[in-house]
C-alpha atoms as a PDB file:
ATOM      1  CA  MET A   1      14.083 -97.547  83.731  1.00  0.00           C
ATOM      2  CA  LYS A   2      10.734 -99.144  84.279  1.00  0.00           C
ATOM      3  CA  ILE A   3       8.809-100.556  81.854  1.00  0.00           C
ATOM      4  CA  TYR A   4       5.508-100.278  83.308  1.00  0.00           C
ATOM      5  CA  THR A   5       4.670 -96.155  82.558  1.00  0.00           C
ATOM      6  CA  LYS A   6       0.638 -96.087  83.240  1.00  0.00           C
ATOM      7  CA  THR A   7       0.812 -93.168  80.689  1.00  0.00           C
ATOM      8  CA  GLY A   8      -1.016 -96.013  78.228  1.00  0.00           C
ATOM      9  CA  ASP A   9      -3.340 -97.198  80.445  1.00  0.00           C
ATOM     10  CA  LYS A  10      -6.469 -94.985  78.496  1.00  0.00           C
ATOM     11  CA  GLY A  11      -5.032 -96.539  74.900  1.00  0.00           C
ATOM     12  CA  THR A  12      -3.064 -93.656  73.750  1.00  0.00           C
ATOM     13  CA  THR A  13       1.108 -94.328  73.252  1.00  0.00           C
ATOM     14  CA  ALA A  14       3.233 -91.807  72.679  1.00  0.00           C
ATOM     15  CA  LEU A  15       4.974 -91.460  69.337  1.00  0.00           C
ATOM     16  CA  PHE A  16       8.708 -90.494  68.752  1.00  0.00           C
ATOM     17  CA  GLY A  17       8.548 -87.183  69.229  1.00  0.00           C
ATOM     18  CA  GLY A  18       5.897 -87.398  72.279  1.00  0.00           C
ATOM     19  CA  THR A  19       2.839 -86.801  70.381  1.00  0.00           C
ATOM     20  CA  ARG A  20      -0.284 -89.236  71.787  1.00  0.00           C
ATOM     21  CA  VAL A  21      -2.246 -91.505  69.646  1.00  0.00           C
ATOM     22  CA  PRO A  22      -5.155 -93.793  69.787  1.00  0.00           C
ATOM     23  CA  LYS A  23      -3.268 -97.320  70.276  1.00  0.00           C
ATOM     24  CA  HIS A  24      -5.394 -98.897  67.492  1.00  0.00           C
ATOM     25  CA  HIS A  25      -3.333 -96.052  65.025  1.00  0.00           C
ATOM     26  CA  ILE A  26      -2.257 -97.080  61.152  1.00  0.00           C
ATOM     27  CA  ARG A  27       1.558 -96.017  63.232  1.00  0.00           C
ATOM     28  CA  ILE A  28       1.068 -97.904  65.507  1.00  0.00           C
ATOM     29  CA  GLU A  29      -0.399-101.303  63.453  1.00  0.00           C
ATOM     30  CA  SER A  30       2.405-100.778  61.379  1.00  0.00           C
ATOM     31  CA  TYR A  31       5.413-100.277  63.837  1.00  0.00           C
ATOM     32  CA  GLY A  32       4.115-103.229  66.181  1.00  0.00           C
ATOM     33  CA  THR A  33       3.353-105.773  62.629  1.00  0.00           C
ATOM     34  CA  ILE A  34       7.422-104.776  62.222  1.00  0.00           C
ATOM     35  CA  ASP A  35       7.955-105.836  65.725  1.00  0.00           C
ATOM     36  CA  GLU A  36       5.862-109.332  65.296  1.00  0.00           C
ATOM     37  CA  LEU A  37       8.444-109.504  61.831  1.00  0.00           C
ATOM     38  CA  ASN A  38      11.024-108.779  64.759  1.00  0.00           C
ATOM     39  CA  SER A  39       9.937-111.546  66.764  1.00  0.00           C
ATOM     40  CA  HIS A  40       9.437-114.396  64.385  1.00  0.00           C
ATOM     41  CA  LEU A  41      12.486-114.098  62.825  1.00  0.00           C
ATOM     42  CA  GLY A  42      13.838-114.461  65.986  1.00  0.00           C
ATOM     43  CA  MET A  43      12.278-117.670  66.778  1.00  0.00           C
ATOM     44  CA  LEU A  44      13.895-118.577  63.291  1.00  0.00           C
ATOM     45  CA  ARG A  45      17.090-117.376  63.687  1.00  0.00           C
ATOM     46  CA  ASP A  46      16.847-120.241  66.335  1.00  0.00           C
ATOM     47  CA  GLN A  47      16.245-123.245  64.105  1.00  0.00           C
ATOM     48  CA  GLU A  48      18.400-125.169  62.367  1.00  0.00           C
ATOM     49  CA  VAL A  49      19.697-122.105  59.631  1.00  0.00           C
ATOM     50  CA  ASP A  50      22.986-121.907  58.675  1.00  0.00           C
ATOM     51  CA  GLU A  51      26.026-119.703  59.449  1.00  0.00           C
ATOM     52  CA  HIS A  52      25.705-116.543  56.814  1.00  0.00           C
ATOM     53  CA  SER A  53      21.524-117.107  57.449  1.00  0.00           C
ATOM     54  CA  HIS A  54      21.919-116.817  60.805  1.00  0.00           C
ATOM     55  CA  GLU A  55      24.221-113.654  60.855  1.00  0.00           C
ATOM     56  CA  LEU A  56      21.840-112.160  57.986  1.00  0.00           C
ATOM     57  CA  ILE A  57      19.084-112.491  60.115  1.00  0.00           C
ATOM     58  CA  LEU A  58      20.756-111.083  62.569  1.00  0.00           C
ATOM     59  CA  LYS A  59      21.647-107.861  60.278  1.00  0.00           C
ATOM     60  CA  ILE A  60      17.568-107.729  58.896  1.00  0.00           C
ATOM     61  CA  GLN A  61      16.035-107.675  62.392  1.00  0.00           C
ATOM     62  CA  GLU A  62      18.586-104.745  63.092  1.00  0.00           C
ATOM     63  CA  ARG A  63      17.125-103.227  59.764  1.00  0.00           C
ATOM     64  CA  LEU A  64      13.790-103.649  61.250  1.00  0.00           C
ATOM     65  CA  PHE A  65      14.612-101.729  64.257  1.00  0.00           C
ATOM     66  CA  THR A  66      15.559 -98.744  61.924  1.00  0.00           C
ATOM     67  CA  ILE A  67      12.375 -99.480  60.454  1.00  0.00           C
ATOM     68  CA  GLY A  68      10.091 -99.572  63.675  1.00  0.00           C
ATOM     69  CA  SER A  69      11.760 -96.662  64.640  1.00  0.00           C
ATOM     70  CA  ILE A  70      11.125 -94.497  61.227  1.00  0.00           C
ATOM     71  CA  LEU A  71       6.947 -95.694  61.139  1.00  0.00           C
ATOM     72  CA  ALA A  72       7.515 -94.568  65.178  1.00  0.00           C
ATOM     73  CA  THR A  73       8.080 -91.062  64.600  1.00  0.00           C
ATOM     74  CA  ASP A  74       5.534 -88.514  64.218  1.00  0.00           C
ATOM     75  CA  PRO A  75       6.919 -86.821  60.510  1.00  0.00           C
ATOM     76  CA  ALA A  76       6.048 -83.333  61.944  1.00  0.00           C
ATOM     77  CA  LYS A  77       8.558 -83.303  64.632  1.00  0.00           C
ATOM     78  CA  ALA A  78      10.916 -86.001  61.699  1.00  0.00           C
ATOM     79  CA  THR A  79      11.457 -82.255  59.744  1.00  0.00           C
ATOM     80  CA  LEU A  80      12.870 -79.064  59.912  1.00  0.00           C
ATOM     81  CA  LYS A  81      11.039 -76.323  61.455  1.00  0.00           C
ATOM     82  CA  SER A  82      11.667 -73.127  62.649  1.00  0.00           C
ATOM     83  CA  GLY A  83      15.200 -73.483  62.840  1.00  0.00           C
ATOM     84  CA  LYS A  84      14.877 -76.403  65.391  1.00  0.00           C
ATOM     85  CA  GLN A  85      16.979 -79.796  65.313  1.00  0.00           C
ATOM     86  CA  ARG A  86      15.504 -82.169  63.635  1.00  0.00           C
ATOM     87  CA  LEU A  87      15.007 -86.058  65.545  1.00  0.00           C
ATOM     88  CA  GLU A  88      17.931 -88.368  64.021  1.00  0.00           C
ATOM     89  CA  ILE A  89      16.672 -91.579  63.112  1.00  0.00           C
ATOM     90  CA  PRO A  90      18.952 -94.057  61.492  1.00  0.00           C
ATOM     91  CA  ARG A  91      17.664 -94.514  57.267  1.00  0.00           C
ATOM     92  CA  ILE A  92      17.210 -97.406  55.227  1.00  0.00           C
ATOM     93  CA  ALA A  93      19.534 -97.593  52.231  1.00  0.00           C
ATOM     94  CA  ALA A  94      19.495 -98.796  48.660  1.00  0.00           C
ATOM     95  CA  GLY A  95      22.392-100.800  49.486  1.00  0.00           C
ATOM     96  CA  ASP A  96      20.147-101.986  52.325  1.00  0.00           C
ATOM     97  CA  ILE A  97      17.699-103.708  49.645  1.00  0.00           C
ATOM     98  CA  GLU A  98      20.421-104.704  47.556  1.00  0.00           C
ATOM     99  CA  LEU A  99      21.706-107.073  50.135  1.00  0.00           C
ATOM    100  CA  LEU A 100      18.694-108.577  49.903  1.00  0.00           C
ATOM    101  CA  GLU A 101      18.624-108.590  46.035  1.00  0.00           C
ATOM    102  CA  GLN A 102      22.013-110.378  46.128  1.00  0.00           C
ATOM    103  CA  GLU A 103      21.270-112.786  48.656  1.00  0.00           C
ATOM    104  CA  MET A 104      18.411-113.926  46.204  1.00  0.00           C
ATOM    105  CA  ASP A 105      20.406-114.399  43.139  1.00  0.00           C
ATOM    106  CA  LYS A 106      23.247-116.403  45.402  1.00  0.00           C
ATOM    107  CA  MET A 107      20.743-118.532  46.343  1.00  0.00           C
ATOM    108  CA  ASN A 108      18.409-118.740  43.509  1.00  0.00           C
ATOM    109  CA  GLU A 109      21.608-120.308  41.678  1.00  0.00           C
ATOM    110  CA  GLU A 110      21.431-122.985  44.164  1.00  0.00           C
ATOM    111  CA  LEU A 111      17.701-124.252  43.824  1.00  0.00           C
ATOM    112  CA  PRO A 112      16.109-126.165  41.088  1.00  0.00           C
ATOM    113  CA  PRO A 113      13.340-123.032  39.218  1.00  0.00           C
ATOM    114  CA  MET A 114      10.530-122.698  40.908  1.00  0.00           C
ATOM    115  CA  THR A 115       8.187-123.711  38.177  1.00  0.00           C
ATOM    116  CA  HIS A 116       4.982-124.228  40.701  1.00  0.00           C
ATOM    117  CA  PHE A 117       3.478-122.057  43.634  1.00  0.00           C
ATOM    118  CA  VAL A 118       4.608-124.035  46.733  1.00  0.00           C
ATOM    119  CA  LEU A 119       2.981-124.474  49.847  1.00  0.00           C
ATOM    120  CA  PRO A 120       4.234-123.556  52.945  1.00  0.00           C
ATOM    121  CA  GLY A 121       5.211-126.575  55.502  1.00  0.00           C
ATOM    122  CA  GLY A 122       7.832-129.680  54.896  1.00  0.00           C
ATOM    123  CA  HIS A 123       9.537-128.462  58.186  1.00  0.00           C
ATOM    124  CA  GLN A 124       9.575-126.389  60.795  1.00  0.00           C
ATOM    125  CA  THR A 125      12.271-124.111  59.949  1.00  0.00           C
ATOM    126  CA  VAL A 126      10.580-123.759  56.643  1.00  0.00           C
ATOM    127  CA  SER A 127       7.557-123.048  57.970  1.00  0.00           C
ATOM    128  CA  VAL A 128       8.953-120.608  60.329  1.00  0.00           C
ATOM    129  CA  CYS A 129      10.263-118.817  57.472  1.00  0.00           C
ATOM    130  CA  HIS A 130       7.099-119.130  55.713  1.00  0.00           C
ATOM    131  CA  ILE A 131       4.661-117.501  58.938  1.00  0.00           C
ATOM    132  CA  ALA A 132       7.971-114.410  58.914  1.00  0.00           C
ATOM    133  CA  ARG A 133       6.444-113.885  54.995  1.00  0.00           C
ATOM    134  CA  CYS A 134       3.190-114.189  56.072  1.00  0.00           C
ATOM    135  CA  VAL A 135       3.868-111.172  58.013  1.00  0.00           C
ATOM    136  CA  CYS A 136       5.754-108.868  56.293  1.00  0.00           C
ATOM    137  CA  ARG A 137       3.494-109.295  53.947  1.00  0.00           C
ATOM    138  CA  ARG A 138       1.477-107.811  56.136  1.00  0.00           C
ATOM    139  CA  ALA A 139       3.627-105.027  57.825  1.00  0.00           C
ATOM    140  CA  GLU A 140       4.250-104.256  53.992  1.00  0.00           C
ATOM    141  CA  ARG A 141       0.408-103.942  53.524  1.00  0.00           C
ATOM    142  CA  LEU A 142      -0.348-101.680  56.671  1.00  0.00           C
ATOM    143  CA  ALA A 143       3.187 -99.554  55.965  1.00  0.00           C
ATOM    144  CA  SER A 144       1.707 -99.159  52.918  1.00  0.00           C
ATOM    145  CA  ALA A 145      -1.531 -97.260  53.932  1.00  0.00           C
ATOM    146  CA  LEU A 146       0.504 -95.597  56.559  1.00  0.00           C
ATOM    147  CA  HIS A 147       2.630 -94.048  53.595  1.00  0.00           C
ATOM    148  CA  ASP A 148      -0.834 -93.127  51.200  1.00  0.00           C
ATOM    149  CA  LEU A 149      -1.746 -90.802  54.609  1.00  0.00           C
ATOM    150  CA  GLU A 150       1.867 -89.513  56.498  1.00  0.00           C
ATOM    151  CA  PRO A 151       4.110 -90.250  53.586  1.00  0.00           C
ATOM    152  CA  PHE A 152       8.440 -91.492  54.794  1.00  0.00           C
ATOM    153  CA  GLU A 153      10.724 -92.621  52.886  1.00  0.00           C
ATOM    154  CA  LYS A 154      10.305 -95.057  49.857  1.00  0.00           C
ATOM    155  CA  GLU A 155      13.460 -97.765  50.443  1.00  0.00           C
ATOM    156  CA  VAL A 156      11.251 -98.451  53.556  1.00  0.00           C
ATOM    157  CA  LEU A 157       8.208-100.066  51.471  1.00  0.00           C
ATOM    158  CA  GLN A 158      10.925-101.268  48.775  1.00  0.00           C
ATOM    159  CA  TYR A 159      13.180-103.464  51.882  1.00  0.00           C
ATOM    160  CA  LEU A 160       9.747-104.580  52.785  1.00  0.00           C
ATOM    161  CA  ASN A 161       9.084-106.031  49.477  1.00  0.00           C
ATOM    162  CA  ARG A 162      12.743-107.125  49.080  1.00  0.00           C
ATOM    163  CA  LEU A 163      12.430-108.784  52.797  1.00  0.00           C
ATOM    164  CA  SER A 164       9.201-110.522  51.812  1.00  0.00           C
ATOM    165  CA  ASP A 165      10.177-112.012  48.922  1.00  0.00           C
ATOM    166  CA  TYR A 166      14.024-113.332  50.710  1.00  0.00           C
ATOM    167  CA  LEU A 167      12.351-115.184  53.350  1.00  0.00           C
ATOM    168  CA  PHE A 168      10.656-116.729  50.285  1.00  0.00           C
ATOM    169  CA  VAL A 169      12.996-117.978  49.103  1.00  0.00           C
ATOM    170  CA  LEU A 170      14.955-118.052  51.894  1.00  0.00           C
ATOM    171  CA  ALA A 171      12.545-120.947  52.704  1.00  0.00           C
ATOM    172  CA  ARG A 172      13.238-122.334  49.505  1.00  0.00           C
ATOM    173  CA  LYS A 173      16.421-122.799  50.412  1.00  0.00           C
ATOM    174  CA  LEU A 174      15.909-123.843  53.530  1.00  0.00           C
ATOM    175  CA  SER A 175      13.594-126.822  52.284  1.00  0.00           C
ATOM    176  CA  HIS A 176      16.463-127.596  49.978  1.00  0.00           C
ATOM    177  CA  ASP A 177      19.561-127.405  52.832  1.00  0.00           C
ATOM    178  CA  LEU A 178      16.912-129.770  55.263  1.00  0.00           C
ATOM    179  CA  GLN A 179      15.926-132.118  52.001  1.00  0.00           C
ATOM    180  CA  ALA A 180      12.586-131.376  53.163  1.00  0.00           C
ATOM    181  CA  GLU A 181       9.868-132.129  50.019  1.00  0.00           C
ATOM    182  CA  GLU A 182       8.295-129.159  49.117  1.00  0.00           C
ATOM    183  CA  ILE A 183       4.740-129.759  47.400  1.00  0.00           C
ATOM    184  CA  GLN A 184       3.844-128.028  44.149  1.00  0.00           C
ATOM    185  CA  TRP A 185       0.787-126.410  44.210  1.00  0.00           C
ATOM    186  CA  ILE A 186      -0.928-127.408  41.440  1.00  0.00           C
ATOM    187  CA  PRO A 187      -4.426-126.206  40.574  1.00  0.00           C
ATOM    188  CA  LYS A 188      -7.388-129.407  40.498  1.00  0.00           C
ATOM    189  CA  LYS A 189      -9.824-128.902  37.958  1.00  0.00           C
ATOM    190  CA  GLY A 190     -13.211-129.859  40.070  1.00  0.00           C
ATOM    191  CA  SER A 191     -13.324-131.653  43.300  1.00  0.00           C
END
């Protein structure tokens, strides 16, 4: 399989199903940001993280490929039309969302209560996690905008929302594990 096809030389790309759209289309921005998030999670997985978190990040990366395929599919080609076979793409299940919730609950049991927002940083691993969280929020915003135009399964938006929350809690856990300073943001009056 060749990596270069030359079919995108005029600024368009094909969705799953064959429909061509401009490379700046909201659908491309959406799944492109999912790809960016996946790369940041790969970098996070390569940092100083415990084995359990390492394995869970790997599972999350796989689920992000599922989300990418959902977002990359032409909705008109993903539905049954006059007896034609539907494009089979994987789905995000309620269990995928519940897993993130359960993991957050477990981590929060071992962390001190959060009384203020925290400033990202303190250790390279923690910073990488916060960057992934921010990219996840952007991916969620783009997917939400796409959903308004061309709806897809609500579980995708739910998963992205939980994932950004999970990454925040994971950053706090990593700060704790790595004994990094967690700096609280306390608003100052005047300057």
